[in-house]
N, C-alpha and C. Protein backbone atom coordinates (compact mmCIF):
# COMPACT_ATOMS: atom_id res chain seq x y z
N ASP A 1 -4.31 61.61 -83.13
CA ASP A 1 -3.48 60.91 -82.00
C ASP A 1 -2.27 60.96 -83.04
N PHE A 2 -1.28 61.07 -82.47
CA PHE A 2 0.48 60.21 -83.15
C PHE A 2 1.51 60.28 -82.47
N SER A 3 2.22 59.16 -82.53
CA SER A 3 2.94 58.23 -81.76
C SER A 3 4.39 58.26 -82.83
N ALA A 4 5.48 58.53 -82.20
CA ALA A 4 6.23 58.60 -82.91
C ALA A 4 7.71 58.30 -82.00
N TYR A 5 8.46 56.66 -82.63
CA TYR A 5 9.57 56.28 -81.85
C TYR A 5 10.92 55.94 -82.43
N GLY A 6 11.89 56.36 -81.95
CA GLY A 6 13.09 56.35 -82.24
C GLY A 6 13.48 57.67 -83.04
N VAL A 7 12.49 58.80 -82.91
CA VAL A 7 13.01 59.43 -83.88
C VAL A 7 14.83 60.66 -83.23
N SER A 8 15.28 60.93 -84.39
CA SER A 8 16.09 61.54 -84.74
C SER A 8 16.18 62.34 -85.55
N THR A 9 16.75 64.06 -85.32
CA THR A 9 17.30 64.92 -85.85
C THR A 9 18.29 65.28 -86.37
N SER A 10 18.77 65.23 -87.75
CA SER A 10 20.22 65.10 -88.21
C SER A 10 20.84 66.97 -87.59
N GLY A 11 22.02 66.98 -87.33
CA GLY A 11 22.41 68.83 -87.18
C GLY A 11 21.68 68.98 -85.57
N SER A 12 21.55 70.16 -85.70
CA SER A 12 20.33 71.20 -85.02
C SER A 12 19.59 70.97 -85.07
N GLY A 13 19.21 71.11 -84.45
CA GLY A 13 17.16 71.36 -84.29
C GLY A 13 16.41 70.12 -83.33
N SER A 14 14.89 70.54 -83.53
CA SER A 14 14.09 69.49 -82.77
C SER A 14 13.17 69.27 -83.62
N PRO A 15 12.09 68.27 -83.48
CA PRO A 15 10.82 67.85 -84.08
C PRO A 15 10.06 68.93 -83.37
N ALA A 16 9.31 69.24 -84.25
CA ALA A 16 8.05 70.30 -84.61
C ALA A 16 7.08 69.79 -84.86
N PHE A 17 5.54 70.45 -84.51
CA PHE A 17 4.50 70.52 -85.18
C PHE A 17 4.47 71.72 -85.55
N ARG A 18 3.19 71.52 -86.38
CA ARG A 18 2.79 73.13 -87.09
C ARG A 18 1.45 72.72 -87.41
N PHE A 19 0.61 73.76 -87.56
CA PHE A 19 -0.94 73.73 -87.55
C PHE A 19 -1.23 74.54 -89.43
N GLY A 20 -2.39 73.98 -89.82
CA GLY A 20 -2.21 74.73 -91.36
C GLY A 20 -3.78 74.63 -91.53
N THR A 21 -4.13 75.26 -92.35
CA THR A 21 -5.67 75.80 -92.64
C THR A 21 -5.68 76.04 -93.66
N SER A 22 -7.14 76.37 -94.75
CA SER A 22 -6.98 76.38 -95.92
C SER A 22 -5.99 77.58 -96.53
N GLY A 23 -5.29 78.35 -95.73
CA GLY A 23 -4.39 79.32 -96.41
C GLY A 23 -3.57 79.44 -96.21
N GLY A 24 -2.97 78.14 -95.76
CA GLY A 24 -1.47 77.28 -95.84
C GLY A 24 -0.91 77.00 -94.18
N ILE A 25 0.05 76.56 -94.05
CA ILE A 25 0.95 76.37 -92.83
C ILE A 25 1.19 77.29 -91.82
N ILE A 26 0.68 77.72 -90.51
CA ILE A 26 1.10 78.33 -89.94
C ILE A 26 2.31 79.03 -89.10
N SER A 27 3.08 79.98 -89.33
CA SER A 27 4.61 79.47 -89.35
C SER A 27 4.67 81.42 -88.73
N THR A 28 4.03 81.70 -87.89
CA THR A 28 3.97 82.97 -87.30
C THR A 28 3.26 83.25 -86.18
N GLY A 29 4.15 83.46 -84.65
CA GLY A 29 3.07 83.87 -83.47
C GLY A 29 2.28 82.57 -83.64
N SER A 30 1.60 81.94 -83.88
CA SER A 30 -0.16 81.44 -83.38
C SER A 30 0.41 80.69 -82.45
N TYR A 31 1.53 79.67 -81.73
CA TYR A 31 1.47 78.63 -80.74
C TYR A 31 1.91 79.23 -79.60
N TYR A 32 0.92 78.50 -78.53
CA TYR A 32 1.21 79.24 -77.17
C TYR A 32 1.78 77.84 -76.62
N ASN A 33 3.04 77.49 -75.33
CA ASN A 33 2.53 76.26 -74.62
C ASN A 33 3.05 76.43 -73.41
N ILE A 34 3.30 75.70 -72.12
CA ILE A 34 4.21 75.23 -71.48
C ILE A 34 4.69 74.27 -71.72
N GLN A 35 6.11 74.19 -71.08
CA GLN A 35 7.02 72.62 -71.48
C GLN A 35 7.38 72.71 -69.97
N GLY A 36 7.77 71.09 -69.47
CA GLY A 36 8.45 71.39 -68.29
C GLY A 36 9.25 69.90 -68.85
N LYS A 37 10.32 69.88 -67.77
CA LYS A 37 11.54 68.46 -68.11
C LYS A 37 11.15 68.25 -66.62
N PHE A 38 11.08 66.68 -66.05
CA PHE A 38 11.08 65.92 -65.14
C PHE A 38 10.86 64.93 -65.03
N GLY A 39 11.67 64.66 -63.75
CA GLY A 39 12.82 63.75 -63.54
C GLY A 39 13.95 63.79 -62.52
N ALA A 40 15.15 62.98 -63.28
CA ALA A 40 16.59 63.59 -62.44
C ALA A 40 16.60 65.13 -62.11
N SER A 41 16.26 66.15 -63.35
CA SER A 41 16.42 67.29 -63.33
C SER A 41 14.94 68.02 -63.87
N SER A 42 14.68 68.93 -63.23
CA SER A 42 13.51 69.69 -63.42
C SER A 42 13.82 71.23 -64.08
N GLU A 43 13.07 71.63 -65.10
CA GLU A 43 13.32 72.89 -65.63
C GLU A 43 12.04 72.78 -66.36
N GLY A 44 11.68 74.01 -66.63
CA GLY A 44 10.14 74.68 -67.48
C GLY A 44 10.35 76.10 -68.64
N GLN A 45 10.06 75.97 -69.01
CA GLN A 45 9.68 77.14 -70.06
C GLN A 45 8.14 77.45 -70.68
N ASN A 46 7.96 78.63 -70.99
CA ASN A 46 6.96 79.38 -71.17
C ASN A 46 6.77 79.61 -72.88
N ASN A 47 6.03 79.14 -73.61
CA ASN A 47 6.23 79.63 -74.67
C ASN A 47 5.05 80.22 -75.44
N SER A 48 5.34 81.30 -75.44
CA SER A 48 3.76 82.48 -75.73
C SER A 48 4.40 83.08 -77.42
N GLY A 49 3.65 82.98 -78.41
CA GLY A 49 3.55 83.12 -79.66
C GLY A 49 4.90 82.74 -80.26
N ASP A 50 5.11 81.48 -80.16
CA ASP A 50 6.13 80.53 -81.50
C ASP A 50 5.70 80.62 -82.67
N ASN A 51 6.31 80.56 -83.46
CA ASN A 51 5.81 79.52 -84.54
C ASN A 51 5.82 78.62 -85.06
N HIS A 52 6.10 77.41 -83.95
CA HIS A 52 5.70 76.36 -84.05
C HIS A 52 5.80 75.95 -82.81
N ILE A 53 5.00 74.81 -82.75
CA ILE A 53 4.90 74.33 -81.31
C ILE A 53 6.48 73.33 -81.15
N ASN A 54 6.69 74.06 -80.38
CA ASN A 54 8.25 74.32 -79.50
C ASN A 54 7.85 73.25 -77.94
N PHE A 55 7.71 71.50 -78.58
CA PHE A 55 7.41 70.73 -77.74
C PHE A 55 9.10 70.03 -76.98
N CYS A 56 9.98 70.05 -77.20
CA CYS A 56 10.93 69.20 -76.68
C CYS A 56 12.28 69.96 -77.22
N ASN A 57 12.64 71.08 -77.05
CA ASN A 57 13.54 71.52 -77.19
C ASN A 57 14.45 71.91 -76.05
N ILE A 58 13.80 70.93 -74.50
CA ILE A 58 14.79 71.26 -73.44
C ILE A 58 15.42 70.63 -73.54
N GLU A 59 15.35 69.43 -73.77
CA GLU A 59 15.76 68.26 -73.47
C GLU A 59 16.49 67.01 -75.34
N MET A 60 15.55 67.54 -76.04
CA MET A 60 16.31 67.08 -77.29
C MET A 60 16.35 67.88 -78.29
N ASN A 61 17.09 68.06 -78.66
CA ASN A 61 17.33 69.07 -79.52
C ASN A 61 18.63 68.90 -80.57
N GLY A 62 19.56 67.63 -80.50
CA GLY A 62 20.53 68.00 -81.17
C GLY A 62 20.87 66.54 -82.31
N GLY A 63 21.49 66.79 -82.94
CA GLY A 63 21.91 65.42 -83.96
C GLY A 63 22.35 64.42 -82.71
N GLY A 64 21.89 63.14 -82.78
CA GLY A 64 22.19 62.19 -81.92
C GLY A 64 21.44 61.88 -80.66
N ASP A 65 20.29 62.96 -80.58
CA ASP A 65 19.22 63.07 -79.55
C ASP A 65 18.64 61.68 -80.35
N VAL A 66 17.85 60.50 -79.57
CA VAL A 66 16.97 60.16 -79.89
C VAL A 66 15.58 59.88 -79.13
N GLY A 67 14.60 59.89 -79.56
CA GLY A 67 13.38 60.14 -78.86
C GLY A 67 11.42 59.63 -78.76
N ASP A 68 11.24 58.98 -78.07
CA ASP A 68 9.51 58.49 -78.55
C ASP A 68 8.57 59.87 -78.39
N ILE A 69 7.94 59.72 -79.06
CA ILE A 69 6.70 60.80 -78.46
C ILE A 69 5.41 60.58 -78.52
N GLN A 70 4.57 61.02 -77.97
CA GLN A 70 3.10 60.87 -77.97
C GLN A 70 2.04 62.30 -77.75
N ALA A 71 1.65 62.48 -78.52
CA ALA A 71 1.04 63.41 -78.69
C ALA A 71 -0.53 63.37 -78.93
N SER A 72 -1.16 64.10 -78.96
CA SER A 72 -2.81 64.28 -78.97
C SER A 72 -3.79 66.15 -79.26
N PHE A 73 -3.86 65.96 -80.34
CA PHE A 73 -4.74 67.32 -80.74
C PHE A 73 -6.44 67.45 -80.54
N ARG A 74 -6.55 68.36 -79.61
CA ARG A 74 -8.36 68.42 -79.19
C ARG A 74 -8.54 69.91 -80.29
N MET A 75 -9.85 69.77 -80.86
CA MET A 75 -10.63 71.17 -80.57
C MET A 75 -10.90 71.74 -79.51
N ALA A 76 -10.73 73.30 -79.22
CA ALA A 76 -11.12 73.14 -78.07
C ALA A 76 -12.33 73.95 -78.21
N GLY A 77 -13.19 73.54 -78.20
CA GLY A 77 -14.46 74.30 -78.45
C GLY A 77 -14.90 74.83 -80.13
N VAL A 78 -14.42 75.52 -80.13
CA VAL A 78 -14.52 76.62 -81.64
C VAL A 78 -13.01 75.90 -82.44
N SER A 79 -13.79 75.84 -83.76
CA SER A 79 -12.85 75.08 -84.27
C SER A 79 -11.22 75.86 -85.03
N ASP A 80 -10.99 77.17 -84.60
CA ASP A 80 -10.05 78.10 -84.97
C ASP A 80 -9.40 77.90 -83.58
N LYS A 81 -9.32 76.76 -82.38
CA LYS A 81 -8.70 76.98 -81.44
C LYS A 81 -8.30 75.28 -81.21
N TRP A 82 -6.87 75.11 -80.90
CA TRP A 82 -6.88 73.49 -81.41
C TRP A 82 -6.08 73.38 -79.74
N THR A 83 -5.80 72.52 -79.17
CA THR A 83 -5.32 72.11 -77.73
C THR A 83 -4.05 70.77 -78.14
N TYR A 84 -3.24 71.12 -77.61
CA TYR A 84 -2.35 70.14 -77.75
C TYR A 84 -2.13 69.35 -76.38
N ASP A 85 -1.37 68.13 -76.25
CA ASP A 85 -0.68 67.52 -74.94
C ASP A 85 0.09 66.55 -75.16
N ILE A 86 1.54 66.76 -75.21
CA ILE A 86 2.64 65.69 -75.97
C ILE A 86 3.32 65.79 -74.95
N THR A 87 3.76 64.57 -74.70
CA THR A 87 5.08 63.76 -74.20
C THR A 87 6.11 63.05 -74.85
N THR A 88 7.16 63.30 -74.17
CA THR A 88 8.53 63.08 -75.06
C THR A 88 9.30 62.43 -74.04
N VAL A 89 10.03 61.40 -74.28
CA VAL A 89 11.44 61.17 -73.82
C VAL A 89 12.29 60.24 -74.37
N ARG A 90 13.66 61.12 -73.92
CA ARG A 90 14.53 60.68 -74.88
C ARG A 90 15.15 59.96 -74.66
N ARG A 91 15.50 58.66 -75.30
CA ARG A 91 16.91 57.71 -74.31
C ARG A 91 18.00 57.92 -74.12
N GLY A 92 18.05 57.07 -72.88
CA GLY A 92 19.55 57.18 -72.33
C GLY A 92 19.41 58.95 -71.50
N SER A 93 18.14 59.40 -71.45
CA SER A 93 18.14 60.26 -70.47
C SER A 93 17.35 59.93 -69.00
N THR A 94 17.32 60.30 -67.72
CA THR A 94 16.45 60.09 -66.75
C THR A 94 15.14 61.38 -66.53
N ASN A 95 15.06 61.79 -67.57
CA ASN A 95 14.01 63.09 -67.94
C ASN A 95 12.82 62.54 -68.61
N GLY A 96 11.78 63.06 -68.97
CA GLY A 96 10.74 62.54 -69.46
C GLY A 96 10.59 64.23 -70.10
N LEU A 97 9.72 64.96 -71.05
CA LEU A 97 9.38 65.99 -71.28
C LEU A 97 7.33 65.96 -71.32
N LYS A 98 6.83 67.02 -70.43
CA LYS A 98 5.41 67.55 -71.02
C LYS A 98 4.80 68.52 -71.76
N CYS A 99 4.78 68.99 -72.75
CA CYS A 99 4.29 70.22 -73.10
C CYS A 99 3.15 70.02 -73.27
N ILE A 100 2.05 71.35 -72.60
CA ILE A 100 0.70 71.03 -73.35
C ILE A 100 0.91 72.96 -73.70
N GLY A 101 -0.56 73.06 -74.35
CA GLY A 101 -0.62 74.20 -75.06
C GLY A 101 -2.17 74.48 -76.41
N TYR A 102 -2.02 75.43 -77.01
CA TYR A 102 -3.07 76.21 -78.16
C TYR A 102 -2.39 76.57 -79.02
N GLY A 103 -2.91 76.29 -80.06
CA GLY A 103 -2.68 77.22 -81.53
C GLY A 103 -3.92 77.70 -82.01
N ASP A 104 -3.83 79.06 -81.96
CA ASP A 104 -4.48 79.88 -82.77
C ASP A 104 -4.69 79.89 -84.53
N LEU A 105 -5.85 79.66 -84.42
CA LEU A 105 -5.70 79.29 -86.50
C LEU A 105 -6.36 80.66 -87.02
N SER A 106 -6.47 82.04 -85.91
CA SER A 106 -7.45 83.24 -86.01
C SER A 106 -8.39 83.13 -86.97
N SER A 107 -9.95 82.47 -86.92
CA SER A 107 -10.63 82.28 -87.51
C SER A 107 -10.93 81.40 -88.56
N ALA A 108 -9.43 80.99 -88.91
CA ALA A 108 -10.11 79.49 -89.93
C ALA A 108 -10.10 78.13 -89.25
N ALA A 109 -10.65 77.17 -90.02
CA ALA A 109 -10.84 75.57 -89.58
C ALA A 109 -9.62 75.31 -90.20
N LEU A 110 -8.65 74.24 -89.18
CA LEU A 110 -7.38 73.29 -89.14
C LEU A 110 -7.99 72.44 -89.93
N THR A 111 -6.49 72.37 -90.87
CA THR A 111 -7.00 71.32 -92.32
C THR A 111 -5.71 70.25 -91.97
N THR A 112 -4.87 71.04 -91.98
CA THR A 112 -3.41 70.01 -91.48
C THR A 112 -2.60 70.14 -90.10
N ILE A 113 -1.70 69.13 -89.80
CA ILE A 113 -0.77 69.35 -88.31
C ILE A 113 0.34 68.54 -88.82
N ARG A 114 1.02 68.85 -89.59
CA ARG A 114 2.35 68.86 -89.76
C ARG A 114 3.41 68.80 -88.56
N PHE A 115 3.98 67.55 -89.14
CA PHE A 115 5.12 67.19 -87.90
C PHE A 115 7.00 67.38 -88.90
N PHE A 116 7.29 67.89 -88.44
CA PHE A 116 8.99 68.47 -89.30
C PHE A 116 9.84 68.37 -88.34
N PRO A 117 11.21 68.38 -88.94
CA PRO A 117 12.43 68.90 -88.15
C PRO A 117 12.83 70.38 -88.15
N TYR A 118 12.65 70.72 -86.72
CA TYR A 118 12.94 72.25 -87.06
C TYR A 118 14.77 72.72 -86.35
N GLY A 119 14.88 72.57 -87.69
CA GLY A 119 16.64 72.22 -88.24
C GLY A 119 17.08 71.38 -89.30
N THR A 120 17.56 70.85 -89.55
CA THR A 120 18.26 69.99 -90.57
C THR A 120 17.50 69.14 -91.54
N GLY A 121 17.31 67.81 -90.82
CA GLY A 121 16.52 67.13 -91.21
C GLY A 121 16.25 65.94 -90.33
N PHE A 122 15.69 65.12 -90.80
CA PHE A 122 15.08 63.92 -89.63
C PHE A 122 16.16 62.37 -90.15
N ASP A 123 16.71 61.78 -89.14
CA ASP A 123 17.69 60.77 -89.56
C ASP A 123 17.05 59.40 -89.34
N ALA A 124 15.99 59.28 -88.49
CA ALA A 124 15.44 58.17 -88.21
C ALA A 124 14.28 58.14 -87.79
N GLY A 125 12.66 57.69 -87.92
CA GLY A 125 11.85 57.19 -86.85
C GLY A 125 10.95 56.53 -87.37
N THR A 126 10.13 56.05 -86.72
CA THR A 126 8.43 55.36 -87.21
C THR A 126 7.51 56.29 -86.48
N PHE A 127 6.95 56.58 -87.53
CA PHE A 127 5.27 57.71 -87.27
C PHE A 127 3.92 56.77 -87.14
N SER A 128 2.93 57.00 -86.34
CA SER A 128 1.76 56.61 -86.95
C SER A 128 0.95 57.89 -86.44
N TRP A 129 -0.20 57.76 -87.18
CA TRP A 129 -1.42 59.09 -86.64
C TRP A 129 -2.72 58.38 -86.57
N THR A 130 -3.57 58.44 -85.90
CA THR A 130 -5.17 58.32 -85.90
C THR A 130 -5.45 59.11 -85.80
N ALA A 131 -6.48 59.65 -86.70
CA ALA A 131 -7.29 60.85 -87.33
C ALA A 131 -9.09 60.25 -86.99
N TYR A 132 -9.45 61.57 -86.19
CA TYR A 132 -11.39 61.25 -86.27
C TYR A 132 -11.94 62.50 -86.60
N SER A 133 -13.28 61.98 -86.95
CA SER A 133 -13.58 63.06 -87.79
C SER A 133 -14.98 63.11 -86.99
N THR A 134 -15.83 64.47 -86.50
CA THR A 134 -17.27 63.82 -86.39
C THR A 134 -18.04 64.60 -87.40
N VAL A 135 -17.53 64.31 -88.65
CA VAL A 135 -18.26 65.05 -90.02
C VAL A 135 -18.59 63.93 -90.69
């Protein structure tokens, strides 16, 4: 589980996640999700075969946008399929964002979940992780 408060990216871009395996960080066509904006205005987007978990670009995608993020990642019964459920709220907006989807790790086991700025960099933010293991 992941929580972030007061996240802001500099310049253009939005916060994003990528999965990693023993072969490295997966940065090509392995992420499939649906994201939707709810609240004062609605909008939806289906991302198929993205190169990152693209969970908040509808509402939080540029310098000056500040938001709070709650994300959960779960193994979907087999080690190479991981689901995610992410809720984001941009401060000052009357909308929220919801993103659900999965990453296809191509028969490899998950070793890493990377949070990064898909764009220039982070200006601010407080992050925390809680990791569980069944091993």
